[in-house]
Amino acid sequence: MNLKTLDWDDELLAAFEIPRAMLPAVRSSSEEYGVARLPVISGVPVAESGDQQAALVGKRVFIRAR
């Protein structure tokens, strides 16, 4: 990914012979992607709030090793 354009980098895609069509759209890590359709949680937003490790710290989830 090109950090200046926030899109897949055409030069790198070519160098690694990766077709752009095989990659997902680049989206924000703090975005709502849809809503759940399972009956028990129907209508609950499906969202992300950052990368996994940073999200845990941001949500103040700390796990102690035993």
N, C-alpha and C. Protein backbone atom coordinates (compact mmCIF):
# COMPACT_ATOMS: atom_id res chain seq x y z
N MET A 1 0.84 -1.18 0.00
CA MET A 1 0.00 0.00 0.00
C MET A 1 0.89 1.24 0.00
N ASN A 2 0.50 2.22 -0.77
CA ASN A 2 1.22 3.48 -0.83
C ASN A 2 0.65 4.41 0.25
N LEU A 3 1.47 4.79 1.20
CA LEU A 3 0.99 5.61 2.32
C LEU A 3 0.67 7.04 1.93
N LYS A 4 1.19 7.50 0.79
CA LYS A 4 0.86 8.85 0.33
C LYS A 4 -0.50 8.89 -0.36
N THR A 5 -0.81 7.88 -1.15
CA THR A 5 -2.09 7.87 -1.89
C THR A 5 -3.17 7.10 -1.15
N LEU A 6 -2.77 6.33 -0.13
CA LEU A 6 -3.69 5.46 0.63
C LEU A 6 -4.43 4.49 -0.29
N ASP A 7 -3.68 3.96 -1.25
CA ASP A 7 -4.22 2.97 -2.18
C ASP A 7 -3.10 1.98 -2.48
N TRP A 8 -3.45 0.90 -3.17
CA TRP A 8 -2.43 -0.07 -3.54
C TRP A 8 -1.42 0.58 -4.48
N ASP A 9 -0.15 0.28 -4.31
CA ASP A 9 0.92 0.87 -5.09
C ASP A 9 1.13 0.06 -6.37
N ASP A 10 0.88 0.69 -7.52
CA ASP A 10 0.99 0.00 -8.80
C ASP A 10 2.39 -0.54 -9.07
N GLU A 11 3.40 0.18 -8.66
CA GLU A 11 4.78 -0.27 -8.87
C GLU A 11 5.07 -1.55 -8.08
N LEU A 12 4.64 -1.58 -6.83
CA LEU A 12 4.84 -2.78 -6.01
C LEU A 12 3.99 -3.94 -6.51
N LEU A 13 2.77 -3.66 -6.92
CA LEU A 13 1.92 -4.72 -7.46
C LEU A 13 2.59 -5.36 -8.67
N ALA A 14 3.16 -4.54 -9.53
CA ALA A 14 3.85 -5.06 -10.72
C ALA A 14 5.10 -5.85 -10.32
N ALA A 15 5.86 -5.34 -9.38
CA ALA A 15 7.09 -6.00 -8.95
C ALA A 15 6.82 -7.39 -8.37
N PHE A 16 5.71 -7.51 -7.63
CA PHE A 16 5.36 -8.80 -7.02
C PHE A 16 4.38 -9.60 -7.87
N GLU A 17 4.05 -9.07 -9.04
CA GLU A 17 3.11 -9.72 -9.96
C GLU A 17 1.78 -10.06 -9.29
N ILE A 18 1.23 -9.06 -8.60
CA ILE A 18 -0.06 -9.22 -7.92
C ILE A 18 -1.10 -8.43 -8.68
N PRO A 19 -2.13 -9.09 -9.20
CA PRO A 19 -3.19 -8.36 -9.90
C PRO A 19 -3.99 -7.50 -8.91
N ARG A 20 -4.20 -6.25 -9.24
CA ARG A 20 -4.95 -5.34 -8.37
C ARG A 20 -6.33 -5.91 -8.05
N ALA A 21 -6.94 -6.58 -9.03
CA ALA A 21 -8.29 -7.12 -8.86
C ALA A 21 -8.37 -8.19 -7.77
N MET A 22 -7.24 -8.78 -7.40
CA MET A 22 -7.27 -9.83 -6.39
C MET A 22 -7.22 -9.26 -4.97
N LEU A 23 -6.96 -7.96 -4.83
CA LEU A 23 -6.87 -7.33 -3.52
C LEU A 23 -8.19 -6.64 -3.14
N PRO A 24 -8.49 -6.59 -1.86
CA PRO A 24 -9.70 -5.89 -1.43
C PRO A 24 -9.52 -4.38 -1.54
N ALA A 25 -10.61 -3.67 -1.49
CA ALA A 25 -10.55 -2.21 -1.49
C ALA A 25 -9.87 -1.75 -0.20
N VAL A 26 -9.06 -0.72 -0.29
CA VAL A 26 -8.42 -0.15 0.90
C VAL A 26 -9.48 0.69 1.60
N ARG A 27 -9.70 0.37 2.87
CA ARG A 27 -10.72 1.10 3.64
C ARG A 27 -10.15 1.49 4.99
N SER A 28 -10.79 2.43 5.63
CA SER A 28 -10.38 2.90 6.94
C SER A 28 -10.48 1.77 7.96
N SER A 29 -9.62 1.80 8.96
CA SER A 29 -9.69 0.80 10.01
C SER A 29 -10.67 1.19 11.11
N SER A 30 -11.34 2.32 10.96
CA SER A 30 -12.35 2.72 11.94
C SER A 30 -13.64 3.07 11.19
N GLU A 31 -14.15 2.07 10.52
CA GLU A 31 -15.30 2.27 9.65
C GLU A 31 -16.36 1.21 9.94
N GLU A 32 -17.60 1.53 9.67
CA GLU A 32 -18.68 0.55 9.78
C GLU A 32 -18.84 -0.12 8.43
N TYR A 33 -18.80 -1.46 8.42
CA TYR A 33 -18.83 -2.21 7.16
C TYR A 33 -20.20 -2.78 6.82
N GLY A 34 -21.10 -2.78 7.75
CA GLY A 34 -22.43 -3.32 7.52
C GLY A 34 -23.10 -3.62 8.83
N VAL A 35 -24.15 -4.43 8.78
CA VAL A 35 -24.86 -4.82 10.01
C VAL A 35 -25.01 -6.34 10.03
N ALA A 36 -25.05 -6.90 11.23
CA ALA A 36 -25.19 -8.34 11.40
C ALA A 36 -26.59 -8.78 10.97
N ARG A 37 -26.66 -9.99 10.41
CA ARG A 37 -27.95 -10.53 9.99
C ARG A 37 -28.36 -11.77 10.79
N LEU A 38 -27.49 -12.23 11.67
CA LEU A 38 -27.86 -13.37 12.51
C LEU A 38 -29.01 -12.94 13.42
N PRO A 39 -30.03 -13.77 13.56
CA PRO A 39 -31.21 -13.36 14.35
C PRO A 39 -30.88 -12.85 15.75
N VAL A 40 -29.95 -13.48 16.42
CA VAL A 40 -29.66 -13.09 17.80
C VAL A 40 -28.97 -11.73 17.91
N ILE A 41 -28.30 -11.29 16.86
CA ILE A 41 -27.62 -9.98 16.89
C ILE A 41 -28.01 -9.11 15.70
N SER A 42 -29.13 -9.37 15.13
CA SER A 42 -29.58 -8.66 13.93
C SER A 42 -29.56 -7.14 14.14
N GLY A 43 -28.99 -6.44 13.17
CA GLY A 43 -28.95 -4.99 13.22
C GLY A 43 -27.74 -4.40 13.93
N VAL A 44 -26.94 -5.24 14.59
CA VAL A 44 -25.75 -4.74 15.29
C VAL A 44 -24.70 -4.37 14.25
N PRO A 45 -24.13 -3.17 14.33
CA PRO A 45 -23.13 -2.76 13.35
C PRO A 45 -21.89 -3.65 13.38
N VAL A 46 -21.37 -3.96 12.20
CA VAL A 46 -20.10 -4.67 12.07
C VAL A 46 -19.07 -3.61 11.75
N ALA A 47 -18.14 -3.40 12.67
CA ALA A 47 -17.18 -2.31 12.52
C ALA A 47 -15.82 -2.72 13.04
N GLU A 48 -14.83 -1.90 12.76
CA GLU A 48 -13.48 -2.12 13.23
C GLU A 48 -13.01 -0.83 13.87
N SER A 49 -12.13 -0.95 14.83
CA SER A 49 -11.65 0.26 15.50
C SER A 49 -10.13 0.31 15.54
N GLY A 50 -9.49 -0.05 14.46
CA GLY A 50 -8.04 0.02 14.41
C GLY A 50 -7.43 -1.36 14.34
N ASP A 51 -6.11 -1.42 14.28
CA ASP A 51 -5.48 -2.73 14.20
C ASP A 51 -5.65 -3.46 15.53
N GLN A 52 -5.49 -4.75 15.51
CA GLN A 52 -5.82 -5.58 16.66
C GLN A 52 -5.12 -5.18 17.95
N GLN A 53 -3.80 -5.06 17.90
CA GLN A 53 -3.08 -4.77 19.14
C GLN A 53 -3.36 -3.36 19.64
N ALA A 54 -3.34 -2.38 18.76
CA ALA A 54 -3.60 -1.01 19.18
C ALA A 54 -5.03 -0.86 19.67
N ALA A 55 -5.95 -1.58 19.05
CA ALA A 55 -7.34 -1.50 19.47
C ALA A 55 -7.50 -1.99 20.91
N LEU A 56 -6.80 -3.05 21.26
CA LEU A 56 -6.89 -3.56 22.63
C LEU A 56 -6.39 -2.53 23.63
N VAL A 57 -5.28 -1.87 23.32
CA VAL A 57 -4.75 -0.84 24.21
C VAL A 57 -5.72 0.34 24.27
N GLY A 58 -6.24 0.75 23.10
CA GLY A 58 -7.17 1.87 23.05
C GLY A 58 -8.45 1.62 23.83
N LYS A 59 -8.84 0.37 23.90
CA LYS A 59 -10.06 0.01 24.64
C LYS A 59 -9.74 -0.37 26.08
N ARG A 60 -8.48 -0.20 26.44
CA ARG A 60 -8.00 -0.47 27.79
C ARG A 60 -8.17 -1.93 28.20
N VAL A 61 -7.90 -2.82 27.24
CA VAL A 61 -7.93 -4.26 27.52
C VAL A 61 -6.49 -4.71 27.72
N PHE A 62 -6.19 -5.11 28.91
CA PHE A 62 -4.83 -5.57 29.22
C PHE A 62 -4.94 -6.97 29.78
N ILE A 63 -4.15 -7.87 29.22
CA ILE A 63 -4.17 -9.27 29.65
C ILE A 63 -2.86 -9.57 30.35
N ARG A 64 -2.97 -10.11 31.55
CA ARG A 64 -1.76 -10.44 32.31
C ARG A 64 -1.34 -11.87 32.02
N ALA A 65 -0.05 -12.06 31.83
CA ALA A 65 0.47 -13.42 31.66
C ALA A 65 0.49 -14.08 33.03
N ARG A 66 0.22 -15.37 33.04
CA ARG A 66 0.22 -16.08 34.33
C ARG A 66 1.47 -16.88 34.49
